[in-house]
Every structure is written in structure tokens, then in C-alpha cells.
Amino acid sequence: MQGTQIQATMFNEAAKKFYDRFELGKVYYISKGTLRVANKQFKTVQNDYEMTLNENSEVEEASDEAACIPETKFKFVPIDQLGPYVNSKDLVGENRLL
């Protein structure tokens, strides 16, 4: 399965709680963590974001069926070319570069 990797950081009690939980190649549902823009100096995976888990975070391994989560795909177009997408079933959103 191909997917996206994200780096997660844990300290103290959270590190103890989740040390044995994660396995390479598996899919997990994670909640009650913090997501922020990754510090490029310390990131180890190709993702612009990183997670921080604390002792209140929750991690659940996805079942084999749930591990086949469909990939989200985007088709970006200039705003002046959005006309054909209005009133269609496509989701139209805003993309900002900061």
C-alpha cells in the first residue's frame, strides 16, 4: 500500500505509552494530538506537517479493511478557470501560498 508518512514526536509519558505501539507499514487512527508545520531542520519524512502526541493522545491500529483508505486527489486550476466547476459535484476550495 502506498500512502503518506508523517513524523510524530512524543516526550516523557507519551513516549513510554506509545513506544511499542507503532510498526512500520501499518495504518493508524490518531486523535488528541497536535498537528503543526514541520521544522524542516528536524524532519525525517517528506511531509510539510508533523504531529506531537501527549499522554492523552489516542492511537488505534486500523484493521486490514480500513487500511485501504482511498487516496484524496486534487486537481488545482487557476481561479479564473473555476466556472465549469461551479454547480457541479466537484468540491471547489481555495489554495493559498504563504
PDB file of N, CA and C in Angstrom:
ATOM      1  N   MET A   1       0.838  -1.181   0.000  1.00  0.00           N
ATOM      2  CA  MET A   1       0.000   0.000   0.000  1.00  0.00           C
ATOM      3  C   MET A   1       0.884   1.245   0.000  1.00  0.00           C
ATOM      4  N   GLN A   2       0.592   2.198  -0.855  1.00  0.00           N
ATOM      5  CA  GLN A   2       1.311   3.455  -0.843  1.00  0.00           C
ATOM      6  C   GLN A   2       0.489   4.477  -0.088  1.00  0.00           C
ATOM      7  N   GLY A   3       1.170   5.327   0.625  1.00  0.00           N
ATOM      8  CA  GLY A   3       0.451   6.344   1.374  1.00  0.00           C
ATOM      9  C   GLY A   3       1.388   7.450   1.761  1.00  0.00           C
ATOM     10  N   THR A   4       0.963   8.210   2.710  1.00  0.00           N
ATOM     11  CA  THR A   4       1.740   9.342   3.173  1.00  0.00           C
ATOM     12  C   THR A   4       2.273   9.037   4.560  1.00  0.00           C
ATOM     13  N   GLN A   5       3.514   9.383   4.784  1.00  0.00           N
ATOM     14  CA  GLN A   5       4.101   9.246   6.113  1.00  0.00           C
ATOM     15  C   GLN A   5       4.070  10.596   6.792  1.00  0.00           C
ATOM     16  N   ILE A   6       3.956  10.558   8.111  1.00  0.00           N
ATOM     17  CA  ILE A   6       4.038  11.785   8.889  1.00  0.00           C
ATOM     18  C   ILE A   6       4.877  11.478  10.117  1.00  0.00           C
ATOM     19  N   GLN A   7       5.660  12.435  10.509  1.00  0.00           N
ATOM     20  CA  GLN A   7       6.518  12.268  11.667  1.00  0.00           C
ATOM     21  C   GLN A   7       5.741  12.623  12.922  1.00  0.00           C
ATOM     22  N   ALA A   8       5.866  11.799  13.953  1.00  0.00           N
ATOM     23  CA  ALA A   8       5.217  12.071  15.236  1.00  0.00           C
ATOM     24  C   ALA A   8       6.287  12.151  16.314  1.00  0.00           C
ATOM     25  N   THR A   9       6.161  13.145  17.167  1.00  0.00           N
ATOM     26  CA  THR A   9       7.095  13.347  18.258  1.00  0.00           C
ATOM     27  C   THR A   9       6.377  13.108  19.570  1.00  0.00           C
ATOM     28  N   MET A  10       7.052  12.422  20.492  1.00  0.00           N
ATOM     29  CA  MET A  10       6.489  12.139  21.804  1.00  0.00           C
ATOM     30  C   MET A  10       7.572  12.326  22.852  1.00  0.00           C
ATOM     31  N   PHE A  11       7.200  12.820  24.017  1.00  0.00           N
ATOM     32  CA  PHE A  11       8.143  13.012  25.107  1.00  0.00           C
ATOM     33  C   PHE A  11       7.594  12.377  26.380  1.00  0.00           C
ATOM     34  N   ASN A  12       8.458  12.023  27.281  1.00  0.00           N
ATOM     35  CA  ASN A  12       8.141  11.554  28.630  1.00  0.00           C
ATOM     36  C   ASN A  12       7.064  10.476  28.650  1.00  0.00           C
ATOM     37  N   GLU A  13       5.923  10.753  29.295  1.00  0.00           N
ATOM     38  CA  GLU A  13       4.870   9.746  29.457  1.00  0.00           C
ATOM     39  C   GLU A  13       4.309   9.275  28.116  1.00  0.00           C
ATOM     40  N   ALA A  14       4.185  10.173  27.163  1.00  0.00           N
ATOM     41  CA  ALA A  14       3.669   9.781  25.850  1.00  0.00           C
ATOM     42  C   ALA A  14       4.638   8.812  25.165  1.00  0.00           C
ATOM     43  N   ALA A  15       5.936   9.066  25.276  1.00  0.00           N
ATOM     44  CA  ALA A  15       6.931   8.171  24.680  1.00  0.00           C
ATOM     45  C   ALA A  15       6.843   6.787  25.320  1.00  0.00           C
ATOM     46  N   LYS A  16       6.666   6.729  26.618  1.00  0.00           N
ATOM     47  CA  LYS A  16       6.519   5.441  27.312  1.00  0.00           C
ATOM     48  C   LYS A  16       5.241   4.730  26.866  1.00  0.00           C
ATOM     49  N   LYS A  17       4.159   5.485  26.750  1.00  0.00           N
ATOM     50  CA  LYS A  17       2.853   4.916  26.405  1.00  0.00           C
ATOM     51  C   LYS A  17       2.846   4.324  25.001  1.00  0.00           C
ATOM     52  N   PHE A  18       3.486   5.006  24.021  1.00  0.00           N
ATOM     53  CA  PHE A  18       3.383   4.593  22.628  1.00  0.00           C
ATOM     54  C   PHE A  18       4.630   3.906  22.077  1.00  0.00           C
ATOM     55  N   TYR A  19       5.654   3.683  22.893  1.00  0.00           N
ATOM     56  CA  TYR A  19       6.924   3.141  22.421  1.00  0.00           C
ATOM     57  C   TYR A  19       6.757   1.858  21.609  1.00  0.00           C
ATOM     58  N   ASP A  20       5.970   0.930  22.110  1.00  0.00           N
ATOM     59  CA  ASP A  20       5.792  -0.366  21.432  1.00  0.00           C
ATOM     60  C   ASP A  20       4.589  -0.406  20.502  1.00  0.00           C
ATOM     61  N   ARG A  21       3.870   0.679  20.370  1.00  0.00           N
ATOM     62  CA  ARG A  21       2.601   0.670  19.641  1.00  0.00           C
ATOM     63  C   ARG A  21       2.775   0.711  18.125  1.00  0.00           C
ATOM     64  N   PHE A  22       3.704   1.506  17.621  1.00  0.00           N
ATOM     65  CA  PHE A  22       3.821   1.739  16.183  1.00  0.00           C
ATOM     66  C   PHE A  22       4.700   0.703  15.499  1.00  0.00           C
ATOM     67  N   GLU A  23       4.250   0.270  14.308  1.00  0.00           N
ATOM     68  CA  GLU A  23       5.025  -0.651  13.483  1.00  0.00           C
ATOM     69  C   GLU A  23       5.060  -0.112  12.062  1.00  0.00           C
ATOM     70  N   LEU A  24       6.225  -0.192  11.440  1.00  0.00           N
ATOM     71  CA  LEU A  24       6.406   0.286  10.083  1.00  0.00           C
ATOM     72  C   LEU A  24       5.474  -0.451   9.130  1.00  0.00           C
ATOM     73  N   GLY A  25       4.840   0.288   8.234  1.00  0.00           N
ATOM     74  CA  GLY A  25       3.968  -0.304   7.226  1.00  0.00           C
ATOM     75  C   GLY A  25       2.524  -0.470   7.660  1.00  0.00           C
ATOM     76  N   LYS A  26       2.196  -0.114   8.883  1.00  0.00           N
ATOM     77  CA  LYS A  26       0.818  -0.234   9.352  1.00  0.00           C
ATOM     78  C   LYS A  26       0.142   1.135   9.324  1.00  0.00           C
ATOM     79  N   VAL A  27      -1.190   1.111   9.350  1.00  0.00           N
ATOM     80  CA  VAL A  27      -2.003   2.331   9.309  1.00  0.00           C
ATOM     81  C   VAL A  27      -2.655   2.508  10.672  1.00  0.00           C
ATOM     82  N   TYR A  28      -2.680   3.749  11.148  1.00  0.00           N
ATOM     83  CA  TYR A  28      -3.225   4.034  12.472  1.00  0.00           C
ATOM     84  C   TYR A  28      -4.199   5.202  12.417  1.00  0.00           C
ATOM     85  N   TYR A  29      -5.178   5.160  13.311  1.00  0.00           N
ATOM     86  CA  TYR A  29      -6.042   6.301  13.569  1.00  0.00           C
ATOM     87  C   TYR A  29      -5.454   6.988  14.795  1.00  0.00           C
ATOM     88  N   ILE A  30      -5.196   8.279  14.691  1.00  0.00           N
ATOM     89  CA  ILE A  30      -4.600   9.021  15.798  1.00  0.00           C
ATOM     90  C   ILE A  30      -5.489  10.211  16.108  1.00  0.00           C
ATOM     91  N   SER A  31      -5.790  10.401  17.390  1.00  0.00           N
ATOM     92  CA  SER A  31      -6.592  11.548  17.801  1.00  0.00           C
ATOM     93  C   SER A  31      -5.983  12.163  19.057  1.00  0.00           C
ATOM     94  N   LYS A  32      -6.419  13.370  19.331  1.00  0.00           N
ATOM     95  CA  LYS A  32      -5.991  14.132  20.512  1.00  0.00           C
ATOM     96  C   LYS A  32      -4.490  14.411  20.509  1.00  0.00           C
ATOM     97  N   GLY A  33      -3.950  14.628  19.310  1.00  0.00           N
ATOM     98  CA  GLY A  33      -2.569  15.065  19.173  1.00  0.00           C
ATOM     99  C   GLY A  33      -2.563  16.480  18.625  1.00  0.00           C
ATOM    100  N   THR A  34      -1.386  17.013  18.384  1.00  0.00           N
ATOM    101  CA  THR A  34      -1.243  18.351  17.832  1.00  0.00           C
ATOM    102  C   THR A  34      -0.572  18.243  16.472  1.00  0.00           C
ATOM    103  N   LEU A  35      -1.123  18.945  15.488  1.00  0.00           N
ATOM    104  CA  LEU A  35      -0.567  18.962  14.135  1.00  0.00           C
ATOM    105  C   LEU A  35      -0.066  20.363  13.851  1.00  0.00           C
ATOM    106  N   ARG A  36       1.170  20.463  13.331  1.00  0.00           N
ATOM    107  CA  ARG A  36       1.726  21.776  13.013  1.00  0.00           C
ATOM    108  C   ARG A  36       2.687  21.654  11.841  1.00  0.00           C
ATOM    109  N   VAL A  37       3.086  22.784  11.306  1.00  0.00           N
ATOM    110  CA  VAL A  37       4.041  22.805  10.205  1.00  0.00           C
ATOM    111  C   VAL A  37       5.361  22.241  10.720  1.00  0.00           C
ATOM    112  N   ALA A  38       5.951  21.333   9.941  1.00  0.00           N
ATOM    113  CA  ALA A  38       7.172  20.657  10.362  1.00  0.00           C
ATOM    114  C   ALA A  38       8.363  21.603  10.375  1.00  0.00           C
ATOM    115  N   ASN A  39       9.232  21.401  11.341  1.00  0.00           N
ATOM    116  CA  ASN A  39      10.505  22.108  11.389  1.00  0.00           C
ATOM    117  C   ASN A  39      11.430  21.393  10.414  1.00  0.00           C
ATOM    118  N   LYS A  40      11.736  22.008   9.291  1.00  0.00           N
ATOM    119  CA  LYS A  40      12.498  21.361   8.226  1.00  0.00           C
ATOM    120  C   LYS A  40      13.882  20.922   8.681  1.00  0.00           C
ATOM    121  N   GLN A  41      14.405  21.531   9.713  1.00  0.00           N
ATOM    122  CA  GLN A  41      15.718  21.166  10.225  1.00  0.00           C
ATOM    123  C   GLN A  41      15.698  19.757  10.832  1.00  0.00           C
ATOM    124  N   PHE A  42      14.560  19.339  11.378  1.00  0.00           N
ATOM    125  CA  PHE A  42      14.492  18.077  12.096  1.00  0.00           C
ATOM    126  C   PHE A  42      13.610  17.022  11.441  1.00  0.00           C
ATOM    127  N   LYS A  43      12.934  17.331  10.344  1.00  0.00           N
ATOM    128  CA  LYS A  43      12.003  16.362   9.778  1.00  0.00           C
ATOM    129  C   LYS A  43      12.748  15.234   9.081  1.00  0.00           C
ATOM    130  N   THR A  44      12.170  14.032   9.159  1.00  0.00           N
ATOM    131  CA  THR A  44      12.802  12.846   8.583  1.00  0.00           C
ATOM    132  C   THR A  44      11.972  12.227   7.460  1.00  0.00           C
ATOM    133  N   VAL A  45      10.788  12.767   7.206  1.00  0.00           N
ATOM    134  CA  VAL A  45       9.932  12.258   6.131  1.00  0.00           C
ATOM    135  C   VAL A  45       9.502  13.430   5.252  1.00  0.00           C
ATOM    136  N   GLN A  46       9.019  13.116   4.064  1.00  0.00           N
ATOM    137  CA  GLN A  46       8.604  14.149   3.110  1.00  0.00           C
ATOM    138  C   GLN A  46       7.160  14.563   3.372  1.00  0.00           C
ATOM    139  N   ASN A  47       6.949  15.312   4.429  1.00  0.00           N
ATOM    140  CA  ASN A  47       5.636  15.827   4.756  1.00  0.00           C
ATOM    141  C   ASN A  47       5.830  17.223   5.338  1.00  0.00           C
ATOM    142  N   ASP A  48       4.976  18.142   4.983  1.00  0.00           N
ATOM    143  CA  ASP A  48       5.101  19.512   5.470  1.00  0.00           C
ATOM    144  C   ASP A  48       4.594  19.676   6.897  1.00  0.00           C
ATOM    145  N   TYR A  49       3.977  18.633   7.444  1.00  0.00           N
ATOM    146  CA  TYR A  49       3.404  18.710   8.786  1.00  0.00           C
ATOM    147  C   TYR A  49       3.983  17.623   9.672  1.00  0.00           C
ATOM    148  N   GLU A  50       3.899  17.827  10.972  1.00  0.00           N
ATOM    149  CA  GLU A  50       4.318  16.826  11.940  1.00  0.00           C
ATOM    150  C   GLU A  50       3.326  16.803  13.091  1.00  0.00           C
ATOM    151  N   MET A  51       3.274  15.679  13.786  1.00  0.00           N
ATOM    152  CA  MET A  51       2.376  15.522  14.923  1.00  0.00           C
ATOM    153  C   MET A  51       3.170  15.478  16.211  1.00  0.00           C
ATOM    154  N   THR A  52       2.562  15.964  17.258  1.00  0.00           N
ATOM    155  CA  THR A  52       3.091  15.777  18.600  1.00  0.00           C
ATOM    156  C   THR A  52       2.009  15.068  19.392  1.00  0.00           C
ATOM    157  N   LEU A  53       2.375  13.943  19.996  1.00  0.00           N
ATOM    158  CA  LEU A  53       1.435  13.179  20.808  1.00  0.00           C
ATOM    159  C   LEU A  53       1.774  13.390  22.274  1.00  0.00           C
ATOM    160  N   ASN A  54       0.741  13.432  23.107  1.00  0.00           N
ATOM    161  CA  ASN A  54       0.952  13.536  24.543  1.00  0.00           C
ATOM    162  C   ASN A  54       0.292  12.343  25.220  1.00  0.00           C
ATOM    163  N   GLU A  55       0.345  12.292  26.532  1.00  0.00           N
ATOM    164  CA  GLU A  55      -0.192  11.129  27.252  1.00  0.00           C
ATOM    165  C   GLU A  55      -1.700  10.973  27.092  1.00  0.00           C
ATOM    166  N   ASN A  56      -2.414  12.016  26.652  1.00  0.00           N
ATOM    167  CA  ASN A  56      -3.854  11.928  26.419  1.00  0.00           C
ATOM    168  C   ASN A  56      -4.209  11.560  24.979  1.00  0.00           C
ATOM    169  N   SER A  57      -3.216  11.467  24.115  1.00  0.00           N
ATOM    170  CA  SER A  57      -3.464  11.104  22.716  1.00  0.00           C
ATOM    171  C   SER A  57      -3.954   9.665  22.639  1.00  0.00           C
ATOM    172  N   GLU A  58      -4.650   9.362  21.552  1.00  0.00           N
ATOM    173  CA  GLU A  58      -5.164   8.013  21.343  1.00  0.00           C
ATOM    174  C   GLU A  58      -4.668   7.492  20.005  1.00  0.00           C
ATOM    175  N   VAL A  59      -4.219   6.232  19.999  1.00  0.00           N
ATOM    176  CA  VAL A  59      -3.713   5.588  18.791  1.00  0.00           C
ATOM    177  C   VAL A  59      -4.396   4.241  18.665  1.00  0.00           C
ATOM    178  N   GLU A  60      -4.991   3.996  17.502  1.00  0.00           N
ATOM    179  CA  GLU A  60      -5.660   2.725  17.249  1.00  0.00           C
ATOM    180  C   GLU A  60      -5.209   2.210  15.887  1.00  0.00           C
ATOM    181  N   GLU A  61      -4.770   0.966  15.851  1.00  0.00           N
ATOM    182  CA  GLU A  61      -4.362   0.377  14.574  1.00  0.00           C
ATOM    183  C   GLU A  61      -5.602   0.137  13.722  1.00  0.00           C
ATOM    184  N   ALA A  62      -5.514   0.516  12.451  1.00  0.00           N
ATOM    185  CA  ALA A  62      -6.631   0.300  11.518  1.00  0.00           C
ATOM    186  C   ALA A  62      -6.670  -1.165  11.129  1.00  0.00           C
ATOM    187  N   SER A  63      -7.865  -1.694  10.960  1.00  0.00           N
ATOM    188  CA  SER A  63      -7.998  -3.075  10.506  1.00  0.00           C
ATOM    189  C   SER A  63      -7.525  -3.175   9.064  1.00  0.00           C
ATOM    190  N   ASP A  64      -7.319  -4.379   8.565  1.00  0.00           N
ATOM    191  CA  ASP A  64      -6.852  -4.561   7.182  1.00  0.00           C
ATOM    192  C   ASP A  64      -7.803  -3.920   6.185  1.00  0.00           C
ATOM    193  N   GLU A  65      -9.122  -4.014   6.435  1.00  0.00           N
ATOM    194  CA  GLU A  65     -10.091  -3.406   5.531  1.00  0.00           C
ATOM    195  C   GLU A  65      -9.984  -1.880   5.574  1.00  0.00           C
ATOM    196  N   ALA A  66      -9.820  -1.328   6.767  1.00  0.00           N
ATOM    197  CA  ALA A  66      -9.734   0.119   6.919  1.00  0.00           C
ATOM    198  C   ALA A  66      -8.404   0.657   6.409  1.00  0.00           C
ATOM    199  N   ALA A  67      -7.393  -0.208   6.303  1.00  0.00           N
ATOM    200  CA  ALA A  67      -6.076   0.227   5.842  1.00  0.00           C
ATOM    201  C   ALA A  67      -6.103   0.627   4.369  1.00  0.00           C
ATOM    202  N   CYS A  68      -7.169   0.279   3.675  1.00  0.00           N
ATOM    203  CA  CYS A  68      -7.306   0.636   2.262  1.00  0.00           C
ATOM    204  C   CYS A  68      -8.055   1.954   2.132  1.00  0.00           C
ATOM    205  N   ILE A  69      -7.639   2.933   2.871  1.00  0.00           N
ATOM    206  CA  ILE A  69      -8.271   4.250   2.845  1.00  0.00           C
ATOM    207  C   ILE A  69      -8.021   4.877   1.484  1.00  0.00           C
ATOM    208  N   PRO A  70      -9.055   5.324   0.795  1.00  0.00           N
ATOM    209  CA  PRO A  70      -8.844   5.904  -0.534  1.00  0.00           C
ATOM    210  C   PRO A  70      -8.002   7.171  -0.461  1.00  0.00           C
ATOM    211  N   GLU A  71      -7.177   7.335  -1.462  1.00  0.00           N
ATOM    212  CA  GLU A  71      -6.314   8.498  -1.535  1.00  0.00           C
ATOM    213  C   GLU A  71      -7.121   9.715  -1.969  1.00  0.00           C
ATOM    214  N   THR A  72      -6.875  10.841  -1.319  1.00  0.00           N
ATOM    215  CA  THR A  72      -7.517  12.086  -1.707  1.00  0.00           C
ATOM    216  C   THR A  72      -6.732  12.684  -2.862  1.00  0.00           C
ATOM    217  N   LYS A  73      -7.432  13.032  -3.918  1.00  0.00           N
ATOM    218  CA  LYS A  73      -6.766  13.595  -5.084  1.00  0.00           C
ATOM    219  C   LYS A  73      -7.302  14.998  -5.333  1.00  0.00           C
ATOM    220  N   PHE A  74      -6.435  15.861  -5.775  1.00  0.00           N
ATOM    221  CA  PHE A  74      -6.792  17.240  -6.048  1.00  0.00           C
ATOM    222  C   PHE A  74      -6.456  17.576  -7.488  1.00  0.00           C
ATOM    223  N   LYS A  75      -7.245  18.452  -8.059  1.00  0.00           N
ATOM    224  CA  LYS A  75      -6.964  18.993  -9.383  1.00  0.00           C
ATOM    225  C   LYS A  75      -7.032  20.506  -9.233  1.00  0.00           C
ATOM    226  N   PHE A  76      -5.869  21.144  -9.149  1.00  0.00           N
ATOM    227  CA  PHE A  76      -5.814  22.580  -8.951  1.00  0.00           C
ATOM    228  C   PHE A  76      -5.921  23.288 -10.293  1.00  0.00           C
ATOM    229  N   VAL A  77      -6.751  24.330 -10.322  1.00  0.00           N
ATOM    230  CA  VAL A  77      -6.909  25.147 -11.524  1.00  0.00           C
ATOM    231  C   VAL A  77      -6.877  26.610 -11.104  1.00  0.00           C
ATOM    232  N   PRO A  78      -6.441  27.484 -11.992  1.00  0.00           N
ATOM    233  CA  PRO A  78      -6.463  28.918 -11.661  1.00  0.00           C
ATOM    234  C   PRO A  78      -7.895  29.374 -11.387  1.00  0.00           C
ATOM    235  N   ILE A  79      -8.030  30.353 -10.521  1.00  0.00           N
ATOM    236  CA  ILE A  79      -9.356  30.803 -10.099  1.00  0.00           C
ATOM    237  C   ILE A  79     -10.200  31.294 -11.280  1.00  0.00           C
ATOM    238  N   ASP A  80      -9.550  31.867 -12.298  1.00  0.00           N
ATOM    239  CA  ASP A  80     -10.323  32.351 -13.444  1.00  0.00           C
ATOM    240  C   ASP A  80     -10.835  31.210 -14.328  1.00  0.00           C
ATOM    241  N   GLN A  81     -10.479  29.960 -13.997  1.00  0.00           N
ATOM    242  CA  GLN A  81     -10.967  28.805 -14.757  1.00  0.00           C
ATOM    243  C   GLN A  81     -11.917  27.935 -13.943  1.00  0.00           C
ATOM    244  N   LEU A  82     -12.457  28.461 -12.846  1.00  0.00           N
ATOM    245  CA  LEU A  82     -13.349  27.692 -11.980  1.00  0.00           C
ATOM    246  C   LEU A  82     -14.778  27.586 -12.508  1.00  0.00           C
ATOM    247  N   GLY A  83     -15.142  28.397 -13.469  1.00  0.00           N
ATOM    248  CA  GLY A  83     -16.511  28.430 -13.986  1.00  0.00           C
ATOM    249  C   GLY A  83     -17.138  27.073 -14.225  1.00  0.00           C
ATOM    250  N   PRO A  84     -16.496  26.161 -14.951  1.00  0.00           N
ATOM    251  CA  PRO A  84     -17.098  24.849 -15.216  1.00  0.00           C
ATOM    252  C   PRO A  84     -17.341  24.007 -13.962  1.00  0.00           C
ATOM    253  N   TYR A  85     -16.683  24.321 -12.847  1.00  0.00           N
ATOM    254  CA  TYR A  85     -16.832  23.518 -11.634  1.00  0.00           C
ATOM    255  C   TYR A  85     -17.944  24.008 -10.725  1.00  0.00           C
ATOM    256  N   VAL A  86     -18.405  25.220 -10.919  1.00  0.00           N
ATOM    257  CA  VAL A  86     -19.477  25.763 -10.091  1.00  0.00           C
ATOM    258  C   VAL A  86     -20.772  25.036 -10.447  1.00  0.00           C
ATOM    259  N   ASN A  87     -21.559  24.666  -9.441  1.00  0.00           N
ATOM    260  CA  ASN A  87     -22.808  23.916  -9.591  1.00  0.00           C
ATOM    261  C   ASN A  87     -22.583  22.499 -10.098  1.00  0.00           C
ATOM    262  N   SER A  88     -21.379  21.975  -9.922  1.00  0.00           N
ATOM    263  CA  SER A  88     -21.145  20.572 -10.273  1.00  0.00           C
ATOM    264  C   SER A  88     -20.927  19.803  -8.974  1.00  0.00           C
ATOM    265  N   LYS A  89     -20.604  18.551  -9.091  1.00  0.00           N
ATOM    266  CA  LYS A  89     -20.390  17.730  -7.905  1.00  0.00           C
ATOM    267  C   LYS A  89     -18.969  17.830  -7.376  1.00  0.00           C
ATOM    268  N   ASP A  90     -18.103  18.543  -8.078  1.00  0.00           N
ATOM    269  CA  ASP A  90     -16.723  18.702  -7.625  1.00  0.00           C
ATOM    270  C   ASP A  90     -16.649  19.683  -6.470  1.00  0.00           C
ATOM    271  N   LEU A  91     -15.750  19.409  -5.542  1.00  0.00           N
ATOM    272  CA  LEU A  91     -15.516  20.301  -4.431  1.00  0.00           C
ATOM    273  C   LEU A  91     -14.576  21.406  -4.894  1.00  0.00           C
ATOM    274  N   VAL A  92     -14.975  22.627  -4.673  1.00  0.00           N
ATOM    275  CA  VAL A  92     -14.160  23.774  -5.065  1.00  0.00           C
ATOM    276  C   VAL A  92     -13.670  24.427  -3.779  1.00  0.00           C
ATOM    277  N   GLY A  93     -12.348  24.581  -3.660  1.00  0.00           N
ATOM    278  CA  GLY A  93     -11.766  25.194  -2.472  1.00  0.00           C
ATOM    279  C   GLY A  93     -10.750  26.240  -2.858  1.00  0.00           C
ATOM    280  N   GLU A  94     -10.127  26.774  -1.854  1.00  0.00           N
ATOM    281  CA  GLU A  94      -9.169  27.855  -2.053  1.00  0.00           C
ATOM    282  C   GLU A  94      -7.779  27.319  -1.720  1.00  0.00           C
ATOM    283  N   ASN A  95      -6.804  27.667  -2.531  1.00  0.00           N
ATOM    284  CA  ASN A  95      -5.424  27.280  -2.302  1.00  0.00           C
ATOM    285  C   ASN A  95      -4.600  28.544  -2.104  1.00  0.00           C
ATOM    286  N   ARG A  96      -3.952  28.670  -0.960  1.00  0.00           N
ATOM    287  CA  ARG A  96      -3.155  29.861  -0.677  1.00  0.00           C
ATOM    288  C   ARG A  96      -1.695  29.462  -0.516  1.00  0.00           C
ATOM    289  N   LEU A  97      -0.845  30.217  -1.094  1.00  0.00           N
ATOM    290  CA  LEU A  97       0.594  30.046  -0.884  1.00  0.00           C
ATOM    291  C   LEU A  97       1.059  31.168   0.013  1.00  0.00           C
ATOM    292  N   LEU A  98       1.680  30.812   1.107  1.00  0.00           N
ATOM    293  CA  LEU A  98       2.159  31.817   2.060  1.00  0.00           C
ATOM    294  C   LEU A  98       3.649  31.980   1.947  1.00  0.00           C
TER     295      LEU A  98
END
